[in-house]
PDB file of N, CA and C in Angstrom:
ATOM      1  N   UNK A   1      17.139  11.360  -9.994  1.00  0.00           N
ATOM      2  CA  UNK A   1      16.285  10.631  -9.725  1.00  0.00           C
ATOM      3  C   UNK A   1      16.827  10.258  -8.591  1.00  0.00           C
ATOM      4  N   UNK A   2      15.912   9.523  -7.827  1.00  0.00           N
ATOM      5  CA  UNK A   2      16.546   9.126  -6.172  1.00  0.00           C
ATOM      6  C   UNK A   2      16.613   7.570  -6.588  1.00  0.00           C
ATOM      7  N   UNK A   3      17.414   6.771  -5.616  1.00  0.00           N
ATOM      8  CA  UNK A   3      17.262   5.084  -5.819  1.00  0.00           C
ATOM      9  C   UNK A   3      15.844   4.815  -5.816  1.00  0.00           C
ATOM     10  N   UNK A   4      14.830   5.434  -5.137  1.00  0.00           N
ATOM     11  CA  UNK A   4      13.737   4.632  -4.903  1.00  0.00           C
ATOM     12  C   UNK A   4      13.184   4.445  -5.951  1.00  0.00           C
ATOM     13  N   UNK A   5      13.178   5.548  -6.873  1.00  0.00           N
ATOM     14  CA  UNK A   5      12.698   6.434  -7.820  1.00  0.00           C
ATOM     15  C   UNK A   5      13.225   4.836  -9.411  1.00  0.00           C
ATOM     16  N   UNK A   6      14.764   4.749  -9.356  1.00  0.00           N
ATOM     17  CA  UNK A   6      14.957   4.314  -9.899  1.00  0.00           C
ATOM     18  C   UNK A   6      14.869   2.951 -10.484  1.00  0.00           C
ATOM     19  N   UNK A   7      14.476   1.943  -8.639  1.00  0.00           N
ATOM     20  CA  UNK A   7      14.281   1.193  -9.103  1.00  0.00           C
ATOM     21  C   UNK A   7      13.547   0.822  -9.023  1.00  0.00           C
ATOM     22  N   UNK A   8      11.820   1.639  -8.579  1.00  0.00           N
ATOM     23  CA  UNK A   8      10.706   1.296  -8.726  1.00  0.00           C
ATOM     24  C   UNK A   8      10.556   1.007 -10.732  1.00  0.00           C
ATOM     25  N   UNK A   9      11.354   2.407 -11.442  1.00  0.00           N
ATOM     26  CA  UNK A   9      11.217   1.985 -13.138  1.00  0.00           C
ATOM     27  C   UNK A   9      11.871   0.914 -13.098  1.00  0.00           C
ATOM     28  N   UNK A  10      13.103   0.520 -12.872  1.00  0.00           N
ATOM     29  CA  UNK A  10      13.135  -0.970 -13.249  1.00  0.00           C
ATOM     30  C   UNK A  10      12.307  -2.664 -13.247  1.00  0.00           C
ATOM     31  N   UNK A  11      12.100  -2.212 -11.712  1.00  0.00           N
ATOM     32  CA  UNK A  11      10.836  -3.421 -11.592  1.00  0.00           C
ATOM     33  C   UNK A  11       9.330  -3.333 -12.439  1.00  0.00           C
ATOM     34  N   UNK A  12       9.000  -1.733 -12.570  1.00  0.00           N
ATOM     35  CA  UNK A  12       7.708  -2.172 -13.248  1.00  0.00           C
ATOM     36  C   UNK A  12       7.552  -1.914 -14.368  1.00  0.00           C
ATOM     37  N   UNK A  13       8.755  -1.794 -15.379  1.00  0.00           N
ATOM     38  CA  UNK A  13       8.937  -1.460 -16.730  1.00  0.00           C
ATOM     39  C   UNK A  13       9.199  -2.257 -16.843  1.00  0.00           C
ATOM     40  N   UNK A  14       8.987  -3.711 -16.580  1.00  0.00           N
ATOM     41  CA  UNK A  14       9.262  -5.293 -17.043  1.00  0.00           C
ATOM     42  C   UNK A  14       7.583  -5.708 -16.847  1.00  0.00           C
ATOM     43  N   UNK A  15       6.489  -4.975 -16.415  1.00  0.00           N
ATOM     44  CA  UNK A  15       5.142  -5.416 -16.472  1.00  0.00           C
ATOM     45  C   UNK A  15       4.867  -5.023 -17.006  1.00  0.00           C
ATOM     46  N   UNK A  16       3.890  -5.130 -18.067  1.00  0.00           N
ATOM     47  CA  UNK A  16       3.251  -4.388 -19.213  1.00  0.00           C
ATOM     48  C   UNK A  16       1.785  -4.296 -18.623  1.00  0.00           C
ATOM     49  N   UNK A  17       1.343  -2.997 -18.752  1.00  0.00           N
ATOM     50  CA  UNK A  17       0.466  -2.653 -17.951  1.00  0.00           C
ATOM     51  C   UNK A  17       0.216  -1.631 -18.842  1.00  0.00           C
ATOM     52  N   UNK A  18      -1.554  -1.359 -18.404  1.00  0.00           N
ATOM     53  CA  UNK A  18      -2.200   0.216 -19.141  1.00  0.00           C
ATOM     54  C   UNK A  18      -1.707   1.551 -18.846  1.00  0.00           C
ATOM     55  N   UNK A  19      -1.247   1.023 -17.804  1.00  0.00           N
ATOM     56  CA  UNK A  19      -0.802   2.497 -17.095  1.00  0.00           C
ATOM     57  C   UNK A  19       1.025   2.841 -16.792  1.00  0.00           C
ATOM     58  N   UNK A  20       0.675   4.808 -17.069  1.00  0.00           N
ATOM     59  CA  UNK A  20       2.364   4.787 -17.496  1.00  0.00           C
ATOM     60  C   UNK A  20       2.723   4.530 -16.225  1.00  0.00           C
ATOM     61  N   UNK A  21       4.711   4.151 -16.399  1.00  0.00           N
ATOM     62  CA  UNK A  21       5.207   4.414 -15.442  1.00  0.00           C
ATOM     63  C   UNK A  21       5.220   5.460 -13.981  1.00  0.00           C
ATOM     64  N   UNK A  22       5.033   6.630 -14.752  1.00  0.00           N
ATOM     65  CA  UNK A  22       4.937   7.438 -13.598  1.00  0.00           C
ATOM     66  C   UNK A  22       3.723   7.442 -13.173  1.00  0.00           C
ATOM     67  N   UNK A  23       2.447   6.920 -13.325  1.00  0.00           N
ATOM     68  CA  UNK A  23       0.829   6.541 -12.349  1.00  0.00           C
ATOM     69  C   UNK A  23       1.578   5.672 -11.079  1.00  0.00           C
ATOM     70  N   UNK A  24       2.523   4.707 -11.623  1.00  0.00           N
ATOM     71  CA  UNK A  24       2.404   3.825 -10.763  1.00  0.00           C
ATOM     72  C   UNK A  24       3.354   4.221  -9.462  1.00  0.00           C
ATOM     73  N   UNK A  25       4.146   5.324  -9.901  1.00  0.00           N
ATOM     74  CA  UNK A  25       4.963   6.223  -8.618  1.00  0.00           C
ATOM     75  C   UNK A  25       3.997   6.975  -7.770  1.00  0.00           C
ATOM     76  N   UNK A  26       3.235   6.975  -8.106  1.00  0.00           N
ATOM     77  CA  UNK A  26       1.532   7.617  -7.394  1.00  0.00           C
ATOM     78  C   UNK A  26       0.620   6.633  -7.276  1.00  0.00           C
ATOM     79  N   UNK A  27       0.273   5.441  -7.448  1.00  0.00           N
ATOM     80  CA  UNK A  27      -0.541   4.411  -6.866  1.00  0.00           C
ATOM     81  C   UNK A  27       0.152   3.608  -5.816  1.00  0.00           C
ATOM     82  N   UNK A  28       1.677   3.007  -5.809  1.00  0.00           N
ATOM     83  CA  UNK A  28       2.331   2.383  -4.940  1.00  0.00           C
ATOM     84  C   UNK A  28       2.349   2.412  -3.798  1.00  0.00           C
ATOM     85  N   UNK A  29       2.463   4.132  -3.425  1.00  0.00           N
ATOM     86  CA  UNK A  29       2.230   4.937  -1.831  1.00  0.00           C
ATOM     87  C   UNK A  29       0.963   4.754  -1.343  1.00  0.00           C
ATOM     88  N   UNK A  30       0.114   5.380  -2.316  1.00  0.00           N
ATOM     89  CA  UNK A  30      -1.204   5.201  -2.384  1.00  0.00           C
ATOM     90  C   UNK A  30      -1.913   4.230  -1.334  1.00  0.00           C
ATOM     91  N   UNK A  31      -1.432   2.883  -2.400  1.00  0.00           N
ATOM     92  CA  UNK A  31      -2.194   1.648  -1.573  1.00  0.00           C
ATOM     93  C   UNK A  31      -1.361   1.535  -0.569  1.00  0.00           C
ATOM     94  N   UNK A  32      -0.138   1.679  -0.341  1.00  0.00           N
ATOM     95  CA  UNK A  32       0.616   1.143   1.209  1.00  0.00           C
ATOM     96  C   UNK A  32      -0.235   2.497   2.222  1.00  0.00           C
ATOM     97  N   UNK A  33      -0.787   3.368   1.640  1.00  0.00           N
ATOM     98  CA  UNK A  33      -0.720   4.267   3.073  1.00  0.00           C
ATOM     99  C   UNK A  33      -2.342   3.310   3.400  1.00  0.00           C
ATOM    100  N   UNK A  34      -3.200   3.402   2.262  1.00  0.00           N
ATOM    101  CA  UNK A  34      -4.348   3.304   2.500  1.00  0.00           C
ATOM    102  C   UNK A  34      -4.599   1.364   2.912  1.00  0.00           C
ATOM    103  N   UNK A  35      -3.878   0.547   2.909  1.00  0.00           N
ATOM    104  CA  UNK A  35      -3.502  -0.609   3.424  1.00  0.00           C
ATOM    105  C   UNK A  35      -3.277  -0.563   4.770  1.00  0.00           C
ATOM    106  N   UNK A  36      -2.046   0.443   5.082  1.00  0.00           N
ATOM    107  CA  UNK A  36      -2.013   0.860   6.563  1.00  0.00           C
ATOM    108  C   UNK A  36      -3.125   1.832   7.466  1.00  0.00           C
ATOM    109  N   UNK A  37      -3.584   2.508   7.008  1.00  0.00           N
ATOM    110  CA  UNK A  37      -4.836   3.077   7.181  1.00  0.00           C
ATOM    111  C   UNK A  37      -6.273   2.112   7.676  1.00  0.00           C
ATOM    112  N   UNK A  38      -6.397   1.176   6.931  1.00  0.00           N
ATOM    113  CA  UNK A  38      -7.432   0.156   6.955  1.00  0.00           C
ATOM    114  C   UNK A  38      -6.923  -0.891   8.333  1.00  0.00           C
ATOM    115  N   UNK A  39      -5.418  -0.937   8.427  1.00  0.00           N
ATOM    116  CA  UNK A  39      -5.105  -1.859   8.836  1.00  0.00           C
ATOM    117  C   UNK A  39      -5.351  -1.088  10.723  1.00  0.00           C
ATOM    118  N   UNK A  40      -4.888   0.170  10.677  1.00  0.00           N
ATOM    119  CA  UNK A  40      -5.281   0.833  12.078  1.00  0.00           C
ATOM    120  C   UNK A  40      -6.372   0.473  12.389  1.00  0.00           C
ATOM    121  N   UNK A  41      -7.476   1.095  11.448  1.00  0.00           N
ATOM    122  CA  UNK A  41      -8.452   1.485  11.520  1.00  0.00           C
ATOM    123  C   UNK A  41      -9.508  -0.015  12.384  1.00  0.00           C
ATOM    124  N   UNK A  42      -8.586  -0.986  12.105  1.00  0.00           N
ATOM    125  CA  UNK A  42      -9.272  -2.318  11.811  1.00  0.00           C
ATOM    126  C   UNK A  42      -8.566  -2.973  13.557  1.00  0.00           C
ATOM    127  N   UNK A  43      -7.658  -2.370  14.115  1.00  0.00           N
ATOM    128  CA  UNK A  43      -6.947  -2.874  15.192  1.00  0.00           C
ATOM    129  C   UNK A  43      -7.614  -2.108  16.091  1.00  0.00           C
ATOM    130  N   UNK A  44      -7.306  -0.919  16.032  1.00  0.00           N
ATOM    131  CA  UNK A  44      -7.879   0.443  17.285  1.00  0.00           C
ATOM    132  C   UNK A  44      -9.224   0.941  17.159  1.00  0.00           C
ATOM    133  N   UNK A  45     -10.265   0.877  16.182  1.00  0.00           N
ATOM    134  CA  UNK A  45     -11.503   1.196  16.115  1.00  0.00           C
ATOM    135  C   UNK A  45     -12.495   0.179  16.065  1.00  0.00           C
ATOM    136  N   UNK A  46     -12.039  -0.707  15.331  1.00  0.00           N
ATOM    137  CA  UNK A  46     -13.431  -1.694  15.438  1.00  0.00           C
ATOM    138  C   UNK A  46     -12.508  -3.325  15.557  1.00  0.00           C
ATOM    139  N   UNK A  47     -12.209  -3.127  17.024  1.00  0.00           N
ATOM    140  CA  UNK A  47     -11.437  -4.449  17.590  1.00  0.00           C
ATOM    141  C   UNK A  47     -12.905  -4.913  17.951  1.00  0.00           C
ATOM    142  N   UNK A  48     -12.712  -6.175  18.420  1.00  0.00           N
ATOM    143  CA  UNK A  48     -13.970  -7.637  18.031  1.00  0.00           C
ATOM    144  C   UNK A  48     -13.689  -7.168  19.773  1.00  0.00           C
ATOM    145  N   UNK A  49     -15.430  -7.686  19.757  1.00  0.00           N
ATOM    146  CA  UNK A  49     -15.249  -7.969  21.257  1.00  0.00           C
ATOM    147  C   UNK A  49     -15.546  -9.301  21.894  1.00  0.00           C
ATOM    148  N   UNK A  50     -14.197  -9.170  22.791  1.00  0.00           N
ATOM    149  CA  UNK A  50     -14.326 -10.211  23.581  1.00  0.00           C
ATOM    150  C   UNK A  50     -14.996 -10.648  24.722  1.00  0.00           C
ATOM    151  N   UNK A  51     -15.506 -12.119  24.918  1.00  0.00           N
ATOM    152  CA  UNK A  51     -16.568 -12.902  26.074  1.00  0.00           C
ATOM    153  C   UNK A  51     -15.183 -12.793  27.167  1.00  0.00           C
ATOM    154  N   UNK A  52     -15.689 -12.552  28.417  1.00  0.00           N
ATOM    155  CA  UNK A  52     -15.223 -12.539  29.788  1.00  0.00           C
ATOM    156  C   UNK A  52     -14.983 -14.436  30.246  1.00  0.00           C
ATOM    157  N   UNK A  53     -13.551 -13.969  30.666  1.00  0.00           N
ATOM    158  CA  UNK A  53     -13.508 -15.546  31.245  1.00  0.00           C
ATOM    159  C   UNK A  53     -13.973 -16.206  32.228  1.00  0.00           C
ATOM    160  N   UNK A  54     -14.940 -17.376  32.607  1.00  0.00           N
ATOM    161  CA  UNK A  54     -15.896 -17.217  33.547  1.00  0.00           C
ATOM    162  C   UNK A  54     -14.711 -18.139  34.535  1.00  0.00           C
TER     163      UNK A  54
END
């Protein structure tokens, strides 16, 4: 078991939840990747249209 897996088990074992601790190991990285993807999409694809200064 790697250090990150060990510490994630320690952190999430204390949080009572309906999910198993193995499922958390898949959800947390998926959430971080989705947040990064959404933030990059907002920054580069949906940039706000700025008005030119007169």
